[in-house]
Protein backbone atom coordinates (compact mmCIF):
# COMPACT_ATOMS: atom_id res chain seq x y z
CA UNK A 1 -19.21 -40.57 12.23
CA UNK A 2 -19.49 -44.29 11.87
CA UNK A 3 -16.96 -47.05 11.50
CA UNK A 4 -16.62 -49.87 9.05
CA UNK A 5 -13.91 -52.36 8.35
CA UNK A 6 -11.00 -51.48 6.11
CA UNK A 7 -10.44 -53.99 3.33
CA UNK A 8 -6.93 -52.78 2.50
CA UNK A 9 -4.90 -55.58 0.96
CA UNK A 10 -2.16 -54.95 3.51
CA UNK A 11 -4.33 -56.49 6.22
CA UNK A 12 -4.54 -60.20 7.06
CA UNK A 13 -6.33 -61.00 3.78
CA UNK A 14 -9.56 -60.06 2.09
CA UNK A 15 -11.27 -63.37 2.90
CA UNK A 16 -10.27 -63.25 6.52
CA UNK A 17 -11.42 -59.66 6.91
CA UNK A 18 -14.75 -60.55 5.34
CA UNK A 19 -15.42 -62.86 8.30
CA UNK A 20 -16.18 -59.85 10.48
CA UNK A 21 -16.74 -57.08 7.94
CA UNK A 22 -20.48 -57.75 7.83
CA UNK A 23 -20.71 -56.87 11.51
CA UNK A 24 -20.40 -53.20 10.72
CA UNK A 25 -21.42 -52.94 7.07
CA UNK A 26 -24.86 -54.40 7.65
CA UNK A 27 -25.58 -52.29 10.72
CA UNK A 28 -24.62 -48.94 9.21
CA UNK A 29 -27.96 -47.89 7.70
CA UNK A 30 -29.97 -49.06 10.70
CA UNK A 31 -27.63 -47.15 12.97
CA UNK A 32 -28.51 -43.81 11.37
CA UNK A 33 -32.21 -44.47 11.92
CA UNK A 34 -31.57 -45.25 15.57
CA UNK A 35 -29.51 -42.11 16.13
CA UNK A 36 -32.24 -39.96 14.59
CA UNK A 37 -34.91 -41.65 16.70
CA UNK A 38 -32.85 -41.16 19.83
CA UNK A 39 -32.20 -37.47 19.11
CA UNK A 40 -35.84 -36.73 18.34
CA UNK A 41 -37.16 -38.32 21.50
CA UNK A 42 -34.61 -36.92 23.97
CA UNK A 43 -35.93 -33.42 24.47
CA UNK A 44 -34.30 -33.17 27.87
CA UNK A 45 -33.61 -35.12 31.01
CA UNK A 46 -32.77 -38.82 30.89
CA UNK A 47 -33.05 -40.16 27.34
CA UNK A 48 -35.31 -43.18 26.84
CA UNK A 49 -33.57 -46.54 26.43
CA UNK A 50 -32.80 -47.49 22.86
CA UNK A 51 -34.65 -50.44 21.40
CA UNK A 52 -33.72 -53.03 18.84
CA UNK A 53 -35.58 -53.01 15.54
CA UNK A 54 -37.72 -55.93 14.43
CA UNK A 55 -37.94 -54.57 10.90
CA UNK A 56 -36.61 -56.56 7.98
CA UNK A 57 -35.36 -54.64 4.94
CA UNK A 58 -38.32 -54.14 2.63
CA UNK A 59 -40.77 -55.47 5.23
CA UNK A 60 -41.01 -52.92 8.08
CA UNK A 61 -42.15 -54.31 11.40
CA UNK A 62 -41.69 -57.96 10.49
CA UNK A 63 -39.02 -60.01 12.20
CA UNK A 64 -37.07 -62.28 9.87
CA UNK A 65 -38.28 -65.86 9.80
CA UNK A 66 -36.71 -67.87 12.60
CA UNK A 67 -34.58 -70.84 11.71
CA UNK A 68 -34.01 -73.60 14.27
CA UNK A 69 -30.68 -73.19 16.01
CA UNK A 70 -29.97 -69.82 14.42
CA UNK A 71 -29.98 -66.39 16.01
CA UNK A 72 -31.55 -63.47 14.16
CA UNK A 73 -30.15 -59.97 14.15
CA UNK A 74 -32.90 -59.04 16.57
CA UNK A 75 -31.84 -61.71 19.03
CA UNK A 76 -28.20 -60.65 18.77
CA UNK A 77 -29.26 -57.06 19.40
CA UNK A 78 -31.30 -58.06 22.44
CA UNK A 79 -28.27 -59.97 23.71
CA UNK A 80 -26.23 -56.76 23.51
CA UNK A 81 -28.95 -54.41 24.73
CA UNK A 82 -28.66 -55.24 28.42
CA UNK A 83 -28.65 -52.65 31.23
CA UNK A 84 -25.35 -53.86 32.67
CA UNK A 85 -23.41 -53.59 29.39
CA UNK A 86 -21.72 -50.29 30.38
CA UNK A 87 -20.62 -51.89 33.66
CA UNK A 88 -19.26 -54.92 31.79
CA UNK A 89 -17.22 -52.49 29.68
CA UNK A 90 -15.87 -50.78 32.78
CA UNK A 91 -17.75 -47.55 31.99
CA UNK A 92 -20.76 -47.57 34.36
CA UNK A 93 -23.09 -44.67 33.86
CA UNK A 94 -22.60 -44.39 30.11
CA UNK A 95 -25.75 -44.51 27.98
CA UNK A 96 -25.89 -46.07 24.54
CA UNK A 97 -25.87 -43.47 21.76
CA UNK A 98 -26.97 -45.83 19.00
CA UNK A 99 -28.11 -49.41 18.60
CA UNK A 100 -28.89 -51.38 15.47
CA UNK A 101 -29.35 -54.89 14.12
CA UNK A 102 -29.25 -56.43 10.69
CA UNK A 103 -30.17 -59.66 8.94
CA UNK A 104 -28.62 -60.60 5.61
CA UNK A 105 -30.61 -63.15 3.68
CA UNK A 106 -28.80 -66.16 2.21
CA UNK A 107 -28.62 -66.20 -1.60
CA UNK A 108 -31.63 -67.54 -3.47
CA UNK A 109 -29.42 -70.31 -4.82
CA UNK A 110 -26.44 -71.89 -3.15
CA UNK A 111 -25.53 -73.18 0.28
CA UNK A 112 -24.39 -70.04 2.07
CA UNK A 113 -26.25 -69.01 5.20
CA UNK A 114 -27.24 -65.70 6.73
CA UNK A 115 -24.88 -63.45 8.66
CA UNK A 116 -26.95 -61.51 11.23
CA UNK A 117 -25.31 -58.81 13.32
CA UNK A 118 -25.94 -56.16 15.97
CA UNK A 119 -24.09 -53.09 17.16
CA UNK A 120 -24.15 -50.79 20.21
CA UNK A 121 -22.22 -47.52 20.45
CA UNK A 122 -21.23 -45.72 23.65
CA UNK A 123 -19.02 -42.68 24.25
CA UNK A 124 -16.04 -44.90 25.09
CA UNK A 125 -16.63 -48.21 23.27
CA UNK A 126 -18.48 -49.71 20.35
CA UNK A 127 -19.44 -53.38 20.51
CA UNK A 128 -20.67 -55.57 17.69
CA UNK A 129 -21.94 -59.13 17.84
CA UNK A 130 -22.38 -61.29 14.76
CA UNK A 131 -23.13 -64.87 13.81
CA UNK A 132 -21.73 -66.70 10.80
CA UNK A 133 -23.70 -69.64 9.41
CA UNK A 134 -21.59 -70.07 6.29
CA UNK A 135 -19.69 -73.04 7.69
CA UNK A 136 -16.73 -70.97 8.89
CA UNK A 137 -14.56 -72.49 11.61
CA UNK A 138 -12.21 -71.09 14.22
CA UNK A 139 -9.43 -73.36 12.98
CA UNK A 140 -9.70 -72.00 9.44
CA UNK A 141 -9.81 -68.42 10.68
CA UNK A 142 -6.73 -68.93 12.84
CA UNK A 143 -4.83 -70.52 9.97
CA UNK A 144 -5.62 -67.62 7.64
CA UNK A 145 -4.52 -65.05 10.20
CA UNK A 146 -1.25 -66.67 11.29
CA UNK A 147 0.97 -65.60 12.95
CA UNK A 148 -1.04 -62.69 14.35
CA UNK A 149 -3.98 -64.80 15.58
CA UNK A 150 -4.00 -65.99 19.19
CA UNK A 151 -5.85 -69.25 19.69
CA UNK A 152 -7.64 -69.78 23.00
CA UNK A 153 -10.82 -71.31 24.40
CA UNK A 154 -13.99 -69.77 25.76
CA UNK A 155 -17.02 -71.54 27.19
CA UNK A 156 -15.34 -74.87 26.38
CA UNK A 157 -15.18 -73.95 22.71
CA UNK A 158 -12.23 -73.12 20.43
CA UNK A 159 -11.74 -69.38 19.97
CA UNK A 160 -9.30 -67.02 18.29
CA UNK A 161 -8.28 -63.42 19.06
CA UNK A 162 -7.04 -61.06 16.38
CA UNK A 163 -6.95 -57.39 15.37
CA UNK A 164 -8.70 -55.52 12.59
CA UNK A 165 -8.45 -51.91 11.44
CA UNK A 166 -11.68 -49.95 11.12
CA UNK A 167 -12.44 -47.35 8.52
CA UNK A 168 -13.78 -43.95 9.58
CA UNK A 169 -16.53 -42.61 7.32
CA UNK A 170 -17.84 -39.04 7.57
CA UNK A 171 -21.17 -38.01 6.05
CA UNK A 172 -21.80 -34.32 5.36
CA UNK A 173 -25.20 -32.82 6.09
CA UNK A 174 -24.98 -30.59 3.01
CA UNK A 175 -25.27 -33.64 0.76
CA UNK A 176 -21.72 -33.54 -0.56
CA UNK A 177 -19.64 -36.66 -0.95
CA UNK A 178 -18.67 -38.62 2.14
CA UNK A 179 -15.04 -38.93 3.14
CA UNK A 180 -13.17 -41.85 4.65
CA UNK A 181 -9.87 -42.54 6.31
CA UNK A 182 -8.13 -44.84 8.79
CA UNK A 183 -10.25 -45.64 11.81
CA UNK A 184 -9.71 -47.14 15.23
CA UNK A 185 -8.05 -50.52 15.79
CA UNK A 186 -10.47 -53.23 16.87
CA UNK A 187 -10.00 -56.51 18.67
CA UNK A 188 -12.07 -59.47 17.50
CA UNK A 189 -12.90 -62.67 19.36
CA UNK A 190 -14.35 -65.42 17.18
CA UNK A 191 -15.81 -68.41 19.02
CA UNK A 192 -16.99 -71.73 17.60
CA UNK A 193 -20.70 -72.38 17.93
CA UNK A 194 -20.05 -75.98 19.00
CA UNK A 195 -17.23 -77.54 21.05
CA UNK A 196 -15.95 -79.56 18.08
CA UNK A 197 -15.66 -76.50 15.82
CA UNK A 198 -17.80 -78.20 13.20
CA UNK A 199 -18.84 -74.99 11.44
CA UNK A 200 -20.47 -71.72 12.40
CA UNK A 201 -19.08 -69.02 14.67
CA UNK A 202 -19.98 -66.04 16.80
CA UNK A 203 -17.78 -62.95 16.76
CA UNK A 204 -17.57 -60.14 19.33
CA UNK A 205 -15.77 -57.03 18.10
CA UNK A 206 -14.67 -54.23 20.42
CA UNK A 207 -13.04 -50.90 19.71
CA UNK A 208 -12.49 -47.65 21.55
CA UNK A 209 -13.69 -44.30 20.26
CA UNK A 210 -10.40 -42.67 21.33
CA UNK A 211 -8.44 -44.95 19.01
CA UNK A 212 -6.65 -46.92 21.72
CA UNK A 213 -6.50 -50.71 21.39
CA UNK A 214 -9.00 -52.47 23.69
CA UNK A 215 -7.64 -54.92 26.24
CA UNK A 216 -8.04 -58.62 25.47
CA UNK A 217 -9.03 -59.37 29.06
CA UNK A 218 -12.00 -57.01 28.71
CA UNK A 219 -13.06 -58.56 25.40
CA UNK A 220 -12.83 -62.10 26.81
CA UNK A 221 -14.84 -61.14 29.89
CA UNK A 222 -17.47 -59.40 27.78
CA UNK A 223 -17.84 -62.37 25.43
CA UNK A 224 -18.02 -64.71 28.40
CA UNK A 225 -21.08 -62.81 29.61
CA UNK A 226 -22.81 -62.28 26.26
CA UNK A 227 -22.44 -65.59 24.45
CA UNK A 228 -23.91 -68.01 27.03
CA UNK A 229 -27.43 -66.87 26.14
CA UNK A 230 -26.71 -67.93 22.54
CA UNK A 231 -24.74 -71.08 23.36
CA UNK A 232 -26.81 -72.38 26.30
CA UNK A 233 -23.67 -72.33 28.45
CA UNK A 234 -23.01 -70.80 31.88
CA UNK A 235 -21.38 -67.38 31.89
CA UNK A 236 -17.69 -67.03 32.77
């Protein structure tokens, strides 16, 4: 079972949900490859650590071209794939079940940028980390999600907390059609990439596999440890 974002019109709005939807949509296919790799290599004993993929769709084994000041899906994945991540989540001893990363190319024409993402799944939590280079701002996100959005600051940058509903998707091994239904509630923290909120954000999404709502304090602490490597700021 994997999770993706629900785009039901009863949510905070299709545009607002699209801000973080790519976090899970893009990582879905890569996640299946990682799970298969993990299962095949863990014949017993302690499973080997999962690794991020440097493959670009259509060009296996080649990392996407680096753009100055922009994080690739691989870099986001490496930011998540740290040995102390289970401890940061309050679940020391858990081992990642799946890890994936994704890079979406900007359109051939137009001004939109890429939206790389990465995802790590444990028994208790799933964490995703994404970057938005489409000029999105925390202020605009908060305005679209009023009154449910909670504005705050993190690492001396504007940030906003809000909830999203995931979509549970089941794939049958016999090849029959997949099924979907309501998934777990997720908490999202979107942080401006610069202190003036001039455009561009990072988003950390956290949800529990048991369907309970994650605590905001945990999400804020997690983001305070993950994002400094991307923002060149000290951890909080």
